[in-house]
Amino acid sequence: MKRFILSVLLIASMLTSCALPPETPVTRQQLMRTGIYQKYIIEDSPEQVLDMLNTYGEAILKGKRNIPGKNFPVDLKLLAIPGEVEIIEYDR
C-alpha cells in the first residue's frame, strides 16, 4: 500500500513539473539581448518565439550555428526564467 501511494505521488509530481508561463511576459528586448539570432540561423521569427515563451514558458527550436561554410544543426531550448531567457543547445 505504501508503494502504491509513493508511486502515485511520484507520478503526480512528474506530471505537474512541466514548464509554466512566466509571471512577467518576456519582451523582445530580453530575447534580442541573448544574441540568439546572431549565433544561430533560426527560421522562426522573434514574434513566434516570444509567443511560445509567453504561452508555455519554453520554446524548442531547430536551427544551425551561424558559421559560414559549415553546417552544424542544433536544437535550441529556450526557457523563460525571471528577468531573462536561458538558452540550452543540443547537437543534432
Protein backbone atom coordinates (compact mmCIF):
# COMPACT_ATOMS: atom_id res chain seq x y z
CA MET A 1 0.00 0.00 0.00
CA LYS A 2 2.84 2.40 0.81
CA ARG A 3 4.48 1.67 -2.53
CA PHE A 4 1.26 2.44 -4.33
CA ILE A 5 0.89 5.80 -2.58
CA LEU A 6 4.53 6.67 -3.23
CA SER A 7 4.24 5.77 -6.90
CA VAL A 8 1.06 7.85 -7.26
CA LEU A 9 2.78 10.83 -5.61
CA LEU A 10 5.82 10.40 -7.83
CA ILE A 11 3.73 10.28 -10.99
CA ALA A 12 1.68 13.29 -9.88
CA SER A 13 4.81 15.31 -9.18
CA MET A 14 6.28 14.40 -12.57
CA LEU A 15 3.13 15.48 -14.39
CA THR A 16 2.97 18.82 -12.60
CA SER A 17 6.64 19.67 -13.13
CA CYS A 18 6.19 20.94 -16.66
CA ALA A 19 7.17 24.43 -17.79
CA LEU A 20 4.85 27.24 -16.76
CA PRO A 21 4.28 30.62 -18.40
CA PRO A 22 6.41 33.38 -16.87
CA GLU A 23 4.88 35.74 -14.31
CA THR A 24 6.01 38.74 -16.35
CA PRO A 25 5.98 38.39 -20.14
CA VAL A 26 9.29 38.12 -21.96
CA THR A 27 9.96 41.20 -24.08
CA ARG A 28 11.57 41.43 -27.47
CA GLN A 29 14.50 43.31 -25.87
CA GLN A 30 15.15 40.42 -23.48
CA LEU A 31 15.07 37.95 -26.37
CA MET A 32 17.43 40.02 -28.50
CA ARG A 33 19.82 40.51 -25.56
CA THR A 34 20.59 36.77 -25.75
CA GLY A 35 22.12 37.21 -29.23
CA ILE A 36 20.28 34.14 -30.46
CA TYR A 37 19.72 35.47 -33.98
CA GLN A 38 23.43 36.34 -34.35
CA LYS A 39 24.76 33.00 -33.03
CA TYR A 40 22.24 30.74 -34.80
CA ILE A 41 20.24 30.62 -38.02
CA ILE A 42 16.61 30.15 -36.96
CA GLU A 43 13.58 30.06 -39.24
CA ASP A 44 11.11 31.14 -36.53
CA SER A 45 10.51 34.87 -36.22
CA PRO A 46 11.11 36.65 -32.91
CA GLU A 47 7.35 37.16 -32.56
CA GLN A 48 6.71 33.41 -32.85
CA VAL A 49 9.42 32.66 -30.27
CA LEU A 50 8.03 35.30 -27.87
CA ASP A 51 4.55 33.84 -28.26
CA MET A 52 5.81 30.35 -27.36
CA LEU A 53 7.84 31.66 -24.40
CA ASN A 54 4.98 33.73 -23.00
CA THR A 55 2.38 30.98 -23.53
CA TYR A 56 4.29 27.88 -22.43
CA GLY A 57 7.37 29.21 -20.62
CA GLU A 58 9.66 27.43 -23.07
CA ALA A 59 10.34 27.14 -26.77
CA ILE A 60 12.13 24.38 -28.67
CA LEU A 61 13.61 25.48 -31.97
CA LYS A 62 15.54 23.86 -34.79
CA GLY A 63 18.43 25.84 -36.15
CA LYS A 64 22.08 25.76 -37.06
CA ARG A 65 25.14 27.56 -35.82
CA ASN A 66 25.92 30.70 -37.78
CA ILE A 67 29.32 29.66 -39.15
CA PRO A 68 29.77 30.47 -42.86
CA GLY A 69 30.58 27.45 -45.00
CA LYS A 70 29.75 24.93 -42.24
CA ASN A 71 26.57 23.11 -41.35
CA PHE A 72 26.14 22.38 -37.63
CA PRO A 73 22.46 21.61 -36.96
CA VAL A 74 21.31 22.16 -33.36
CA ASP A 75 18.16 22.03 -31.31
CA LEU A 76 17.69 25.02 -29.02
CA LYS A 77 15.63 25.04 -25.86
CA LEU A 78 14.73 28.49 -24.59
CA LEU A 79 13.43 28.87 -21.05
CA ALA A 80 11.69 31.97 -19.73
CA ILE A 81 13.18 32.49 -16.28
CA PRO A 82 12.60 35.62 -14.18
CA GLY A 83 14.21 38.60 -15.87
CA GLU A 84 15.94 36.74 -18.72
CA VAL A 85 15.85 33.97 -21.30
CA GLU A 86 18.09 30.92 -20.86
CA ILE A 87 19.33 29.06 -23.94
CA ILE A 88 20.29 25.39 -23.88
CA GLU A 89 21.89 23.99 -27.05
CA TYR A 90 21.77 20.36 -28.13
CA ASP A 91 23.67 18.99 -31.14
CA ARG A 92 21.51 17.07 -33.61
